[in-house]
Every structure is written in C-alpha cells, then in structure tokens.
Amino acid sequence: MDVSMVPKSDSCADPGDVLFFRYKLGIGKGSRAERLFLLTEPITRDAATGNKLLTGFKIPEGGDYSPDSLETLYKNKELPEDNYRTYIMSNIYGPVRRIRKIA
C-alpha cells in the first residue's frame, strides 16, 4: 500500500480511496476525532452553504481491512448504511493521508 499526505482540495482523492484524517466534531459533541474513511463520491460543494464536502463511509473499527476487502464490502453493499457520512472539509484539521493499493 501507498500512504501519502494529500492536500485538502478537490484533488485529494478519487472514489474508492481510503483517507485518514482528524475531524473537529463541533460544539457540544466533544472536541476532535480521528476518522478512517472510504471515499465514494468526488468532493462536492454544498449549494446552500458553499462548503466543500467529502462523502463516503466511516470504516468500522476493529476490523482487519485492506483496500481490496474494503472495495469488496462497498461493491457488495456490506458497509453499514449508518456509517455513511458527509464531512465538511474546513472541519478537517491537520494533514489528510490517502491510502491506496499499489497496482
């Protein structure tokens, strides 16, 4: 696997890439959390707010996952639907790391 830091921009990842980042949860929800995330849609801009959004699945904790196994889970619709998330790019702090399998 290839792990690299990527910019917080439209070019940070492609659908199917796994991202690792720290996320500010917001007021009253605790401070920050680390996220391991499978991107399913390109980065989009919310029409109402103008925020750039990452959309995909929070990867369940405690599993022994590889990029191939995550791809299989996603294609077979076996990722829990309640793990589907949208994250606001401006609430990501620190570096974003992308994990890709080496072809």
C-alpha atoms as a PDB file:
ATOM      1  CA  MET A   1       0.000   0.000   0.000  1.00  0.00           C
ATOM      2  CA  ASP A   2       0.988   3.580  -0.605  1.00  0.00           C
ATOM      3  CA  VAL A   3       0.292   6.109   2.163  1.00  0.00           C
ATOM      4  CA  SER A   4       0.808   9.761   1.301  1.00  0.00           C
ATOM      5  CA  MET A   5      -0.200  13.172   2.603  1.00  0.00           C
ATOM      6  CA  VAL A   6      -2.540  14.950   0.215  1.00  0.00           C
ATOM      7  CA  PRO A   7      -3.874  18.500   0.019  1.00  0.00           C
ATOM      8  CA  LYS A   8      -7.286  19.392   1.404  1.00  0.00           C
ATOM      9  CA  SER A   9      -8.669  20.074  -2.059  1.00  0.00           C
ATOM     10  CA  ASP A  10     -10.637  18.538  -4.906  1.00  0.00           C
ATOM     11  CA  SER A  11      -7.540  16.562  -5.875  1.00  0.00           C
ATOM     12  CA  CYS A  12      -7.044  14.823  -2.512  1.00  0.00           C
ATOM     13  CA  ALA A  13      -8.620  11.520  -3.553  1.00  0.00           C
ATOM     14  CA  ASP A  14     -10.635   9.534  -6.049  1.00  0.00           C
ATOM     15  CA  PRO A  15     -13.696   7.398  -5.279  1.00  0.00           C
ATOM     16  CA  GLY A  16     -12.515   4.179  -3.654  1.00  0.00           C
ATOM     17  CA  ASP A  17      -9.535   5.772  -1.919  1.00  0.00           C
ATOM     18  CA  VAL A  18      -9.206   5.432   1.836  1.00  0.00           C
ATOM     19  CA  LEU A  19      -8.500   8.650   3.732  1.00  0.00           C
ATOM     20  CA  PHE A  20      -7.278   9.141   7.295  1.00  0.00           C
ATOM     21  CA  PHE A  21      -7.803  12.497   8.981  1.00  0.00           C
ATOM     22  CA  ARG A  22      -8.665  14.276  12.216  1.00  0.00           C
ATOM     23  CA  TYR A  23     -12.056  15.945  12.355  1.00  0.00           C
ATOM     24  CA  LYS A  24     -13.478  18.705  14.531  1.00  0.00           C
ATOM     25  CA  LEU A  25     -16.829  17.402  15.775  1.00  0.00           C
ATOM     26  CA  GLY A  26     -18.398  20.713  16.730  1.00  0.00           C
ATOM     27  CA  ILE A  27     -19.702  22.457  19.804  1.00  0.00           C
ATOM     28  CA  GLY A  28     -21.117  20.180  22.480  1.00  0.00           C
ATOM     29  CA  LYS A  29     -20.032  16.969  20.756  1.00  0.00           C
ATOM     30  CA  GLY A  30     -16.551  16.608  22.168  1.00  0.00           C
ATOM     31  CA  SER A  31     -13.553  18.129  20.557  1.00  0.00           C
ATOM     32  CA  ARG A  32     -11.981  16.030  17.817  1.00  0.00           C
ATOM     33  CA  ALA A  33     -11.914  12.521  16.476  1.00  0.00           C
ATOM     34  CA  GLU A  34      -9.782  10.533  14.069  1.00  0.00           C
ATOM     35  CA  ARG A  35     -11.516   9.106  11.036  1.00  0.00           C
ATOM     36  CA  LEU A  36     -10.677   6.300   8.636  1.00  0.00           C
ATOM     37  CA  PHE A  37     -12.912   6.882   5.652  1.00  0.00           C
ATOM     38  CA  LEU A  38     -13.707   5.252   2.285  1.00  0.00           C
ATOM     39  CA  LEU A  39     -14.457   7.984  -0.263  1.00  0.00           C
ATOM     40  CA  THR A  40     -17.400   7.087  -2.508  1.00  0.00           C
ATOM     41  CA  GLU A  41     -18.095  10.337  -4.349  1.00  0.00           C
ATOM     42  CA  PRO A  42     -15.845  13.077  -5.659  1.00  0.00           C
ATOM     43  CA  ILE A  43     -15.545  16.133  -3.452  1.00  0.00           C
ATOM     44  CA  THR A  44     -18.570  18.335  -3.969  1.00  0.00           C
ATOM     45  CA  ARG A  45     -19.648  21.806  -2.950  1.00  0.00           C
ATOM     46  CA  ASP A  46     -22.857  22.245  -0.969  1.00  0.00           C
ATOM     47  CA  ALA A  47     -25.075  24.665  -2.895  1.00  0.00           C
ATOM     48  CA  ALA A  48     -26.656  26.147   0.245  1.00  0.00           C
ATOM     49  CA  THR A  49     -23.528  26.711   2.346  1.00  0.00           C
ATOM     50  CA  GLY A  50     -20.668  26.664  -0.157  1.00  0.00           C
ATOM     51  CA  ASN A  51     -18.806  24.105   1.991  1.00  0.00           C
ATOM     52  CA  LYS A  52     -16.645  21.509   0.261  1.00  0.00           C
ATOM     53  CA  LEU A  53     -17.790  18.029   1.308  1.00  0.00           C
ATOM     54  CA  LEU A  54     -16.271  14.543   1.448  1.00  0.00           C
ATOM     55  CA  THR A  55     -18.860  11.785   1.105  1.00  0.00           C
ATOM     56  CA  GLY A  56     -18.424   8.092   1.834  1.00  0.00           C
ATOM     57  CA  PHE A  57     -18.298   5.526   4.614  1.00  0.00           C
ATOM     58  CA  LYS A  58     -16.654   5.670   8.015  1.00  0.00           C
ATOM     59  CA  ILE A  59     -14.776   2.378   8.179  1.00  0.00           C
ATOM     60  CA  PRO A  60     -15.965   0.174  11.071  1.00  0.00           C
ATOM     61  CA  GLU A  61     -13.458  -0.108  13.903  1.00  0.00           C
ATOM     62  CA  GLY A  62     -11.849  -3.361  14.942  1.00  0.00           C
ATOM     63  CA  GLY A  63     -11.631  -4.982  11.528  1.00  0.00           C
ATOM     64  CA  ASP A  64      -8.624  -6.199   9.613  1.00  0.00           C
ATOM     65  CA  TYR A  65      -9.188  -4.365   6.330  1.00  0.00           C
ATOM     66  CA  SER A  66      -7.200  -3.998   3.146  1.00  0.00           C
ATOM     67  CA  PRO A  67      -8.047  -1.788   0.157  1.00  0.00           C
ATOM     68  CA  ASP A  68      -9.279  -4.919  -1.658  1.00  0.00           C
ATOM     69  CA  SER A  69     -11.522  -6.046   1.188  1.00  0.00           C
ATOM     70  CA  LEU A  70     -12.996  -2.541   1.525  1.00  0.00           C
ATOM     71  CA  GLU A  71     -13.676  -2.422  -2.200  1.00  0.00           C
ATOM     72  CA  THR A  72     -15.473  -5.774  -1.947  1.00  0.00           C
ATOM     73  CA  LEU A  73     -17.527  -4.615   1.054  1.00  0.00           C
ATOM     74  CA  TYR A  74     -18.533  -1.479  -0.811  1.00  0.00           C
ATOM     75  CA  LYS A  75     -19.406  -3.228  -4.087  1.00  0.00           C
ATOM     76  CA  ASN A  76     -21.442  -5.877  -2.243  1.00  0.00           C
ATOM     77  CA  LYS A  77     -23.211  -3.146  -0.216  1.00  0.00           C
ATOM     78  CA  GLU A  78     -21.985  -4.707   3.030  1.00  0.00           C
ATOM     79  CA  LEU A  79     -20.788  -1.494   4.684  1.00  0.00           C
ATOM     80  CA  PRO A  80     -23.307  -0.461   7.358  1.00  0.00           C
ATOM     81  CA  GLU A  81     -25.637   2.210   5.992  1.00  0.00           C
ATOM     82  CA  ASP A  82     -25.444   4.101   9.290  1.00  0.00           C
ATOM     83  CA  ASN A  83     -21.696   4.556   8.615  1.00  0.00           C
ATOM     84  CA  TYR A  84     -22.456   6.717   5.548  1.00  0.00           C
ATOM     85  CA  ARG A  85     -21.119  10.201   6.292  1.00  0.00           C
ATOM     86  CA  THR A  86     -20.545  13.608   4.814  1.00  0.00           C
ATOM     87  CA  TYR A  87     -17.642  15.595   6.253  1.00  0.00           C
ATOM     88  CA  ILE A  88     -17.049  19.321   5.813  1.00  0.00           C
ATOM     89  CA  MET A  89     -13.523  19.864   4.503  1.00  0.00           C
ATOM     90  CA  SER A  90     -12.974  23.000   6.604  1.00  0.00           C
ATOM     91  CA  ASN A  91     -13.555  20.936   9.801  1.00  0.00           C
ATOM     92  CA  ILE A  92     -10.656  18.632   8.955  1.00  0.00           C
ATOM     93  CA  TYR A  93      -7.556  19.756  10.809  1.00  0.00           C
ATOM     94  CA  GLY A  94      -4.007  18.674  10.292  1.00  0.00           C
ATOM     95  CA  PRO A  95      -2.896  16.579   7.348  1.00  0.00           C
ATOM     96  CA  VAL A  96      -5.079  14.307   5.237  1.00  0.00           C
ATOM     97  CA  ARG A  97      -3.466  10.981   4.391  1.00  0.00           C
ATOM     98  CA  ARG A  98      -4.546   8.866   1.451  1.00  0.00           C
ATOM     99  CA  ILE A  99      -4.085   5.097   1.415  1.00  0.00           C
ATOM    100  CA  ARG A 100      -4.020   3.382  -1.976  1.00  0.00           C
ATOM    101  CA  LYS A 101      -3.135  -0.084  -3.035  1.00  0.00           C
ATOM    102  CA  ILE A 102      -0.103  -0.343  -5.291  1.00  0.00           C
ATOM    103  CA  ALA A 103      -1.034  -1.844  -8.643  1.00  0.00           C
END
